[in-house]
Amino acid sequence: MSNARESREQQLDRNLIELLNELRVTGTGIQVLLAFLLIVPFNTGYKHTDGFEHVVYFVALLSIATAAVLLIAPSVHHRVLFRHGERPFIVAIANSLAIAGMALLAIGLVAILVLLSDVVIGPLAAGVVGVAAAITVPGLWFAIPIARRTDEDSRDHGQT
């Protein structure tokens, strides 16, 4: 919701700053996860993993790597389009890229938890942890704010 005294340009500036700050926070986490995933195949224990674990690892790797690309893209767009009057485009596309990146980050995080649970404890733990993570992560990251937004939209339409 925008401030009534805030101009469109001020709102775009604020939105862009907020978005870039949010992406800065996720960037550190993505870097750590991606670094972990990149060294796994070079670990001697990786030779002892099975086909299931290789598939889960590859899903995690591709999800986290793609999330990194999507979450870094808004900063690159901002830099390339700096002073070209494209702030509305940058804010709109960055929002979509950030949401898609977070969705892939959630998939990658669940896959990492499944992989580690399977390697450390076994298939039953991988199943339990996988289901729990697949419910918890998207629930906290997406379901709660979407439900809140839906409630807000319902209240706004009820008042008109």
Protein backbone atom coordinates (compact mmCIF):
# COMPACT_ATOMS: atom_id res chain seq x y z
CA MET A 1 0.00 0.00 0.00
CA SER A 2 1.45 3.36 -0.96
CA ASN A 3 1.59 6.50 1.10
CA ALA A 4 -0.93 9.09 -0.18
CA ARG A 5 1.78 11.78 -0.06
CA GLU A 6 4.24 9.67 -2.04
CA SER A 7 4.62 10.41 -5.75
CA ARG A 8 4.74 7.59 -8.30
CA GLU A 9 8.48 8.18 -8.71
CA GLN A 10 9.06 8.08 -4.95
CA GLN A 11 7.04 4.89 -4.71
CA LEU A 12 9.10 3.27 -7.49
CA ASP A 13 12.33 4.35 -5.77
CA ARG A 14 11.17 2.89 -2.47
CA ASN A 15 9.95 -0.33 -4.10
CA LEU A 16 13.24 -0.81 -5.91
CA ILE A 17 15.31 -0.17 -2.77
CA GLU A 18 13.17 -2.59 -0.75
CA LEU A 19 13.41 -5.25 -3.44
CA LEU A 20 17.16 -4.94 -3.85
CA ASN A 21 17.60 -5.15 -0.06
CA GLU A 22 15.50 -8.31 0.05
CA LEU A 23 17.55 -9.83 -2.77
CA ARG A 24 20.76 -8.93 -0.94
CA VAL A 25 19.61 -11.02 2.02
CA THR A 26 18.73 -14.04 -0.13
CA GLY A 27 21.96 -13.71 -2.10
CA THR A 28 24.11 -14.80 0.83
CA GLY A 29 22.00 -17.89 1.45
CA ILE A 30 22.03 -18.82 -2.23
CA GLN A 31 25.81 -18.49 -2.37
CA VAL A 32 26.26 -20.82 0.62
CA LEU A 33 23.84 -23.43 -0.73
CA LEU A 34 25.32 -23.32 -4.22
CA ALA A 35 28.88 -23.60 -2.88
CA PHE A 36 27.85 -26.62 -0.82
CA LEU A 37 26.23 -28.27 -3.84
CA LEU A 38 29.16 -27.56 -6.13
CA ILE A 39 31.65 -29.37 -3.89
CA VAL A 40 29.49 -32.43 -3.12
CA PRO A 41 30.48 -34.49 -6.20
CA PHE A 42 34.16 -33.95 -5.41
CA ASN A 43 33.76 -35.41 -1.93
CA THR A 44 34.94 -39.02 -1.69
CA GLY A 45 31.66 -40.08 -0.06
CA TYR A 46 29.69 -39.09 -3.17
CA LYS A 47 30.92 -42.27 -4.89
CA HIS A 48 28.90 -44.29 -2.39
CA THR A 49 25.57 -42.60 -3.13
CA ASP A 50 22.92 -44.32 -5.22
CA GLY A 51 20.84 -43.31 -8.23
CA PHE A 52 18.05 -41.77 -6.13
CA GLU A 53 20.53 -39.58 -4.29
CA HIS A 54 22.15 -38.51 -7.57
CA VAL A 55 18.76 -37.45 -8.97
CA VAL A 56 17.83 -35.55 -5.79
CA TYR A 57 21.26 -33.90 -5.79
CA PHE A 58 20.86 -32.86 -9.44
CA VAL A 59 17.36 -31.45 -8.79
CA ALA A 60 18.78 -29.46 -5.85
CA LEU A 61 21.72 -28.22 -7.90
CA LEU A 62 19.62 -27.12 -10.87
CA SER A 63 16.98 -25.51 -8.63
CA ILE A 64 19.49 -23.54 -6.55
CA ALA A 65 21.58 -22.53 -9.60
CA THR A 66 18.48 -21.34 -11.47
CA ALA A 67 17.25 -19.54 -8.34
CA ALA A 68 20.61 -17.78 -8.15
CA VAL A 69 20.30 -16.63 -11.76
CA LEU A 70 16.76 -15.35 -11.20
CA LEU A 71 17.59 -13.59 -7.93
CA ILE A 72 20.72 -11.92 -9.33
CA ALA A 73 18.99 -10.78 -12.54
CA PRO A 74 17.19 -7.75 -11.00
CA SER A 75 20.50 -6.25 -9.85
CA VAL A 76 21.95 -6.75 -13.31
CA HIS A 77 18.85 -5.22 -14.93
CA HIS A 78 19.10 -2.25 -12.61
CA ARG A 79 22.75 -1.71 -13.48
CA VAL A 80 22.29 -2.16 -17.27
CA LEU A 81 19.21 0.09 -17.39
CA PHE A 82 20.52 2.65 -14.88
CA ARG A 83 19.49 6.19 -15.88
CA HIS A 84 17.43 5.01 -18.83
CA GLY A 85 14.03 5.73 -17.27
CA GLU A 86 13.18 2.04 -16.92
CA ARG A 87 12.45 1.91 -13.20
CA PRO A 88 8.78 0.79 -13.68
CA PHE A 89 9.99 -2.09 -15.87
CA ILE A 90 12.77 -3.01 -13.44
CA VAL A 91 10.42 -3.07 -10.43
CA ALA A 92 7.80 -5.14 -12.28
CA ILE A 93 10.18 -7.71 -13.77
CA ALA A 94 12.30 -7.90 -10.61
CA ASN A 95 9.22 -8.75 -8.56
CA SER A 96 8.35 -11.64 -10.90
CA LEU A 97 11.95 -12.87 -11.04
CA ALA A 98 12.26 -12.73 -7.24
CA ILE A 99 9.09 -14.77 -6.70
CA ALA A 100 10.16 -17.37 -9.28
CA GLY A 101 13.63 -17.47 -7.72
CA MET A 102 12.19 -18.00 -4.25
CA ALA A 103 10.00 -20.85 -5.57
CA LEU A 104 13.06 -22.57 -7.03
CA LEU A 105 14.99 -21.88 -3.85
CA ALA A 106 12.21 -23.64 -1.91
CA ILE A 107 12.43 -26.67 -4.23
CA GLY A 108 16.22 -26.75 -3.90
CA LEU A 109 16.07 -26.45 -0.13
CA VAL A 110 13.59 -29.31 0.15
CA ALA A 111 15.76 -31.43 -2.16
CA ILE A 112 18.87 -30.72 -0.06
CA LEU A 113 17.02 -31.76 3.10
CA VAL A 114 15.83 -34.96 1.41
CA LEU A 115 19.33 -35.73 0.16
CA LEU A 116 21.01 -35.16 3.50
CA SER A 117 18.32 -37.10 5.38
CA ASP A 118 18.68 -40.04 3.01
CA VAL A 119 22.48 -40.10 3.25
CA VAL A 120 22.68 -39.57 7.00
CA ILE A 121 19.72 -41.64 8.25
CA GLY A 122 18.01 -43.44 5.37
CA PRO A 123 15.01 -43.49 3.04
CA LEU A 124 12.35 -43.31 5.74
CA ALA A 125 13.89 -40.15 7.19
CA ALA A 126 14.20 -38.71 3.70
CA GLY A 127 10.49 -39.28 3.13
CA VAL A 128 9.42 -37.78 6.44
CA VAL A 129 11.76 -34.79 6.19
CA GLY A 130 10.86 -34.29 2.52
CA VAL A 131 7.11 -34.17 3.22
CA ALA A 132 7.57 -31.93 6.25
CA ALA A 133 9.84 -29.54 4.36
CA ALA A 134 7.59 -29.56 1.27
CA ILE A 135 4.71 -28.42 3.49
CA THR A 136 6.60 -26.06 5.81
CA VAL A 137 8.78 -24.07 3.40
CA PRO A 138 6.10 -23.17 0.82
CA GLY A 139 3.59 -22.72 3.64
CA LEU A 140 5.72 -20.16 5.44
CA TRP A 141 7.08 -18.48 2.32
CA PHE A 142 4.03 -18.44 0.06
CA ALA A 143 0.77 -19.69 1.62
CA ILE A 144 0.76 -17.26 4.55
CA PRO A 145 1.35 -14.08 2.51
CA ILE A 146 -0.99 -15.24 -0.28
CA ALA A 147 -3.72 -15.93 2.28
CA ARG A 148 -3.12 -12.52 3.83
CA ARG A 149 -3.28 -10.85 0.42
CA THR A 150 -6.51 -12.72 -0.38
CA ASP A 151 -8.02 -11.62 2.95
CA GLU A 152 -7.00 -8.03 2.25
CA ASP A 153 -8.49 -8.17 -1.25
CA SER A 154 -11.74 -9.55 0.20
CA ARG A 155 -11.92 -6.76 2.77
CA ASP A 156 -11.19 -4.12 0.11
CA HIS A 157 -13.91 -5.46 -2.22
CA GLY A 158 -16.38 -5.70 0.65
CA GLN A 159 -15.97 -1.99 1.41
CA THR A 160 -16.65 -0.75 -2.12
